[in-house]
Amino acid sequence: MADQTSHSAAAQAEADKGYWAANVRIILISLVIWAIVPFGFGILLRPMFSGVMIGGSDLGFWVAQQGSILVFLALIFFYAFRMNKLDREFGVEEE
């Protein structure tokens, strides 16, 4: 009986590690995208986008001002969707 309990505890610990590893991977991907969009497209690549006009200003300025906010909102919805899917996979979804 003790052997089954320790085996199930080990399996649960392994499942917990898998869940948190997947959670951290989603967070890291989201943070990288969140950093690349405003800094990469809005600041570093702005000279390349200076000829493309959107709404009366160049694309680099638009990405830094409005585009980064839209990407941030998209990341919030992506994270919520992906975490709900991950919760279902590991059986820890809310009721």
N, C-alpha and C. Protein backbone atom coordinates (compact mmCIF):
# COMPACT_ATOMS: atom_id res chain seq x y z
N MET A 1 0.82 -1.19 0.00
CA MET A 1 0.00 0.00 0.00
C MET A 1 0.86 1.25 0.00
N ALA A 2 1.94 1.26 0.80
CA ALA A 2 2.81 2.42 0.89
C ALA A 2 3.52 2.63 -0.44
N ASP A 3 3.82 1.51 -1.14
CA ASP A 3 4.49 1.63 -2.43
C ASP A 3 3.59 2.32 -3.45
N GLN A 4 2.29 2.01 -3.45
CA GLN A 4 1.36 2.66 -4.37
C GLN A 4 1.21 4.14 -4.04
N THR A 5 1.19 4.48 -2.76
CA THR A 5 1.07 5.86 -2.36
C THR A 5 2.28 6.67 -2.80
N SER A 6 3.47 6.13 -2.61
CA SER A 6 4.68 6.84 -3.02
C SER A 6 4.76 6.93 -4.53
N HIS A 7 4.27 5.89 -5.24
CA HIS A 7 4.27 5.92 -6.70
C HIS A 7 3.31 6.98 -7.22
N SER A 8 2.12 7.06 -6.62
CA SER A 8 1.15 8.07 -7.06
C SER A 8 1.61 9.48 -6.69
N ALA A 9 2.31 9.61 -5.56
CA ALA A 9 2.85 10.92 -5.17
C ALA A 9 3.95 11.33 -6.13
N ALA A 10 4.77 10.38 -6.57
CA ALA A 10 5.82 10.68 -7.53
C ALA A 10 5.23 11.05 -8.88
N ALA A 11 4.17 10.36 -9.27
CA ALA A 11 3.51 10.68 -10.55
C ALA A 11 2.87 12.06 -10.49
N GLN A 12 2.28 12.40 -9.34
CA GLN A 12 1.67 13.72 -9.17
C GLN A 12 2.75 14.81 -9.20
N ALA A 13 3.88 14.55 -8.55
CA ALA A 13 4.97 15.53 -8.56
C ALA A 13 5.50 15.74 -9.97
N GLU A 14 5.58 14.67 -10.74
CA GLU A 14 6.03 14.79 -12.13
C GLU A 14 5.02 15.57 -12.97
N ALA A 15 3.74 15.33 -12.75
CA ALA A 15 2.69 16.07 -13.46
C ALA A 15 2.73 17.55 -13.08
N ASP A 16 2.98 17.84 -11.80
CA ASP A 16 3.10 19.22 -11.36
C ASP A 16 4.27 19.92 -12.03
N LYS A 17 5.40 19.22 -12.14
CA LYS A 17 6.57 19.79 -12.82
C LYS A 17 6.26 20.08 -14.29
N GLY A 18 5.55 19.16 -14.94
CA GLY A 18 5.18 19.37 -16.34
C GLY A 18 4.24 20.55 -16.51
N TYR A 19 3.31 20.68 -15.59
CA TYR A 19 2.35 21.79 -15.65
C TYR A 19 3.08 23.13 -15.51
N TRP A 20 3.95 23.22 -14.50
CA TRP A 20 4.65 24.49 -14.27
C TRP A 20 5.67 24.78 -15.35
N ALA A 21 6.28 23.75 -15.92
CA ALA A 21 7.21 23.97 -17.03
C ALA A 21 6.46 24.54 -18.23
N ALA A 22 5.28 24.00 -18.51
CA ALA A 22 4.48 24.52 -19.62
C ALA A 22 4.00 25.94 -19.32
N ASN A 23 3.62 26.20 -18.08
CA ASN A 23 3.18 27.53 -17.68
C ASN A 23 4.31 28.55 -17.85
N VAL A 24 5.50 28.22 -17.38
CA VAL A 24 6.63 29.13 -17.51
C VAL A 24 7.00 29.35 -18.98
N ARG A 25 6.90 28.32 -19.80
CA ARG A 25 7.19 28.45 -21.23
C ARG A 25 6.22 29.44 -21.88
N ILE A 26 4.93 29.35 -21.55
CA ILE A 26 3.94 30.28 -22.10
C ILE A 26 4.24 31.70 -21.64
N ILE A 27 4.60 31.87 -20.38
CA ILE A 27 4.92 33.20 -19.85
C ILE A 27 6.14 33.77 -20.56
N LEU A 28 7.19 32.96 -20.73
CA LEU A 28 8.41 33.45 -21.37
C LEU A 28 8.16 33.85 -22.83
N ILE A 29 7.40 33.04 -23.54
CA ILE A 29 7.07 33.38 -24.93
C ILE A 29 6.29 34.69 -24.99
N SER A 30 5.33 34.85 -24.09
CA SER A 30 4.54 36.08 -24.05
C SER A 30 5.41 37.29 -23.73
N LEU A 31 6.33 37.15 -22.78
CA LEU A 31 7.20 38.25 -22.43
C LEU A 31 8.15 38.63 -23.55
N VAL A 32 8.64 37.64 -24.27
CA VAL A 32 9.53 37.93 -25.41
C VAL A 32 8.76 38.69 -26.49
N ILE A 33 7.56 38.25 -26.80
CA ILE A 33 6.74 38.95 -27.80
C ILE A 33 6.43 40.36 -27.31
N TRP A 34 6.10 40.50 -26.03
CA TRP A 34 5.77 41.79 -25.46
C TRP A 34 6.97 42.74 -25.52
N ALA A 35 8.18 42.23 -25.37
CA ALA A 35 9.38 43.06 -25.44
C ALA A 35 9.77 43.39 -26.87
N ILE A 36 9.61 42.44 -27.78
CA ILE A 36 10.04 42.65 -29.16
C ILE A 36 9.17 43.68 -29.87
N VAL A 37 7.88 43.64 -29.66
CA VAL A 37 6.99 44.53 -30.42
C VAL A 37 7.26 46.00 -30.14
N PRO A 38 7.18 46.48 -28.90
CA PRO A 38 7.40 47.91 -28.72
C PRO A 38 8.86 48.34 -28.91
N PHE A 39 9.81 47.54 -28.42
CA PHE A 39 11.21 47.94 -28.53
C PHE A 39 11.79 47.63 -29.90
N GLY A 40 11.50 46.44 -30.42
CA GLY A 40 12.03 46.06 -31.72
C GLY A 40 11.41 46.85 -32.85
N PHE A 41 10.10 46.77 -32.97
CA PHE A 41 9.41 47.43 -34.08
C PHE A 41 9.24 48.93 -33.85
N GLY A 42 9.04 49.33 -32.60
CA GLY A 42 8.79 50.74 -32.31
C GLY A 42 10.03 51.59 -32.20
N ILE A 43 11.17 51.00 -31.80
CA ILE A 43 12.38 51.79 -31.59
C ILE A 43 13.50 51.36 -32.53
N LEU A 44 13.89 50.09 -32.48
CA LEU A 44 15.04 49.65 -33.26
C LEU A 44 14.78 49.63 -34.77
N LEU A 45 13.61 49.21 -35.18
CA LEU A 45 13.30 49.13 -36.62
C LEU A 45 12.51 50.33 -37.12
N ARG A 46 12.38 51.35 -36.30
CA ARG A 46 11.59 52.52 -36.70
C ARG A 46 12.12 53.18 -37.97
N PRO A 47 13.44 53.35 -38.16
CA PRO A 47 13.90 53.96 -39.41
C PRO A 47 13.47 53.18 -40.66
N MET A 48 13.39 51.87 -40.54
CA MET A 48 12.97 51.06 -41.68
C MET A 48 11.49 51.28 -42.00
N PHE A 49 10.68 51.57 -40.98
CA PHE A 49 9.25 51.76 -41.17
C PHE A 49 8.86 53.22 -41.39
N SER A 50 9.82 54.12 -41.48
CA SER A 50 9.50 55.55 -41.53
C SER A 50 8.74 55.94 -42.79
N GLY A 51 8.85 55.21 -43.88
CA GLY A 51 8.15 55.56 -45.10
C GLY A 51 6.72 55.05 -45.16
N VAL A 52 6.36 54.12 -44.31
CA VAL A 52 5.02 53.53 -44.33
C VAL A 52 4.13 54.36 -43.40
N MET A 53 3.06 54.93 -43.95
CA MET A 53 2.19 55.80 -43.16
C MET A 53 0.91 55.07 -42.77
N ILE A 54 0.53 55.22 -41.52
CA ILE A 54 -0.74 54.70 -41.00
C ILE A 54 -1.35 55.78 -40.12
N GLY A 55 -2.55 56.21 -40.46
CA GLY A 55 -3.26 57.19 -39.65
C GLY A 55 -2.54 58.51 -39.49
N GLY A 56 -1.79 58.93 -40.49
CA GLY A 56 -1.11 60.21 -40.45
C GLY A 56 0.26 60.18 -39.81
N SER A 57 0.74 59.03 -39.36
CA SER A 57 2.08 58.94 -38.80
C SER A 57 2.75 57.68 -39.36
N ASP A 58 4.07 57.61 -39.16
CA ASP A 58 4.77 56.45 -39.72
C ASP A 58 4.49 55.19 -38.89
N LEU A 59 4.73 54.06 -39.50
CA LEU A 59 4.41 52.76 -38.90
C LEU A 59 5.17 52.52 -37.59
N GLY A 60 6.43 52.93 -37.51
CA GLY A 60 7.19 52.73 -36.28
C GLY A 60 6.58 53.46 -35.10
N PHE A 61 6.14 54.70 -35.32
CA PHE A 61 5.49 55.46 -34.26
C PHE A 61 4.17 54.80 -33.88
N TRP A 62 3.41 54.36 -34.88
CA TRP A 62 2.11 53.74 -34.61
C TRP A 62 2.28 52.46 -33.80
N VAL A 63 3.27 51.64 -34.16
CA VAL A 63 3.50 50.39 -33.41
C VAL A 63 3.89 50.70 -31.98
N ALA A 64 4.75 51.71 -31.78
CA ALA A 64 5.19 52.05 -30.43
C ALA A 64 4.03 52.60 -29.59
N GLN A 65 3.10 53.30 -30.21
CA GLN A 65 2.01 53.93 -29.45
C GLN A 65 0.77 53.03 -29.36
N GLN A 66 0.18 52.66 -30.48
CA GLN A 66 -1.06 51.88 -30.45
C GLN A 66 -0.83 50.39 -30.65
N GLY A 67 0.09 50.03 -31.51
CA GLY A 67 0.31 48.62 -31.82
C GLY A 67 0.75 47.80 -30.64
N SER A 68 1.60 48.38 -29.81
CA SER A 68 2.08 47.63 -28.64
C SER A 68 0.94 47.39 -27.64
N ILE A 69 0.02 48.32 -27.54
CA ILE A 69 -1.13 48.12 -26.65
C ILE A 69 -2.02 47.00 -27.19
N LEU A 70 -2.24 46.99 -28.49
CA LEU A 70 -3.06 45.94 -29.10
C LEU A 70 -2.41 44.57 -28.95
N VAL A 71 -1.09 44.52 -29.11
CA VAL A 71 -0.38 43.25 -28.93
C VAL A 71 -0.48 42.80 -27.48
N PHE A 72 -0.35 43.74 -26.54
CA PHE A 72 -0.48 43.40 -25.13
C PHE A 72 -1.86 42.81 -24.83
N LEU A 73 -2.91 43.42 -25.36
CA LEU A 73 -4.26 42.89 -25.16
C LEU A 73 -4.41 41.50 -25.79
N ALA A 74 -3.84 41.32 -26.99
CA ALA A 74 -3.89 40.00 -27.64
C ALA A 74 -3.16 38.97 -26.80
N LEU A 75 -2.03 39.35 -26.19
CA LEU A 75 -1.29 38.43 -25.33
C LEU A 75 -2.09 38.03 -24.10
N ILE A 76 -2.85 38.95 -23.55
CA ILE A 76 -3.69 38.63 -22.40
C ILE A 76 -4.72 37.56 -22.77
N PHE A 77 -5.39 37.74 -23.91
CA PHE A 77 -6.38 36.76 -24.33
C PHE A 77 -5.73 35.44 -24.71
N PHE A 78 -4.55 35.48 -25.35
CA PHE A 78 -3.82 34.26 -25.68
C PHE A 78 -3.45 33.50 -24.41
N TYR A 79 -2.94 34.22 -23.41
CA TYR A 79 -2.53 33.57 -22.16
C TYR A 79 -3.73 32.91 -21.47
N ALA A 80 -4.85 33.63 -21.41
CA ALA A 80 -6.04 33.06 -20.77
C ALA A 80 -6.52 31.82 -21.51
N PHE A 81 -6.55 31.88 -22.85
CA PHE A 81 -6.99 30.74 -23.66
C PHE A 81 -6.05 29.55 -23.47
N ARG A 82 -4.75 29.82 -23.55
CA ARG A 82 -3.77 28.73 -23.47
C ARG A 82 -3.72 28.12 -22.07
N MET A 83 -3.88 28.95 -21.03
CA MET A 83 -3.86 28.41 -19.67
C MET A 83 -5.11 27.58 -19.39
N ASN A 84 -6.26 27.98 -19.93
CA ASN A 84 -7.46 27.15 -19.78
C ASN A 84 -7.26 25.80 -20.44
N LYS A 85 -6.64 25.79 -21.60
CA LYS A 85 -6.35 24.52 -22.29
C LYS A 85 -5.36 23.69 -21.49
N LEU A 86 -4.34 24.33 -20.95
CA LEU A 86 -3.34 23.63 -20.14
C LEU A 86 -3.97 23.08 -18.86
N ASP A 87 -4.85 23.85 -18.24
CA ASP A 87 -5.54 23.39 -17.03
C ASP A 87 -6.37 22.14 -17.32
N ARG A 88 -7.05 22.13 -18.48
CA ARG A 88 -7.84 20.93 -18.85
C ARG A 88 -6.93 19.74 -19.08
N GLU A 89 -5.77 19.96 -19.72
CA GLU A 89 -4.84 18.85 -19.98
C GLU A 89 -4.34 18.19 -18.70
N PHE A 90 -4.10 19.01 -17.67
CA PHE A 90 -3.55 18.49 -16.42
C PHE A 90 -4.61 18.28 -15.35
N GLY A 91 -5.88 18.51 -15.68
CA GLY A 91 -6.96 18.24 -14.75
C GLY A 91 -7.04 19.19 -13.57
N VAL A 92 -6.66 20.43 -13.76
CA VAL A 92 -6.72 21.41 -12.67
C VAL A 92 -7.62 22.59 -13.04
N GLU A 93 -8.56 22.37 -13.96
CA GLU A 93 -9.45 23.46 -14.37
C GLU A 93 -10.40 23.86 -13.26
N GLU A 94 -10.86 25.09 -13.35
CA GLU A 94 -11.81 25.60 -12.35
C GLU A 94 -13.18 25.03 -12.64
N GLU A 95 -14.00 24.94 -11.61
CA GLU A 95 -15.33 24.37 -11.79
C GLU A 95 -16.35 25.44 -12.02
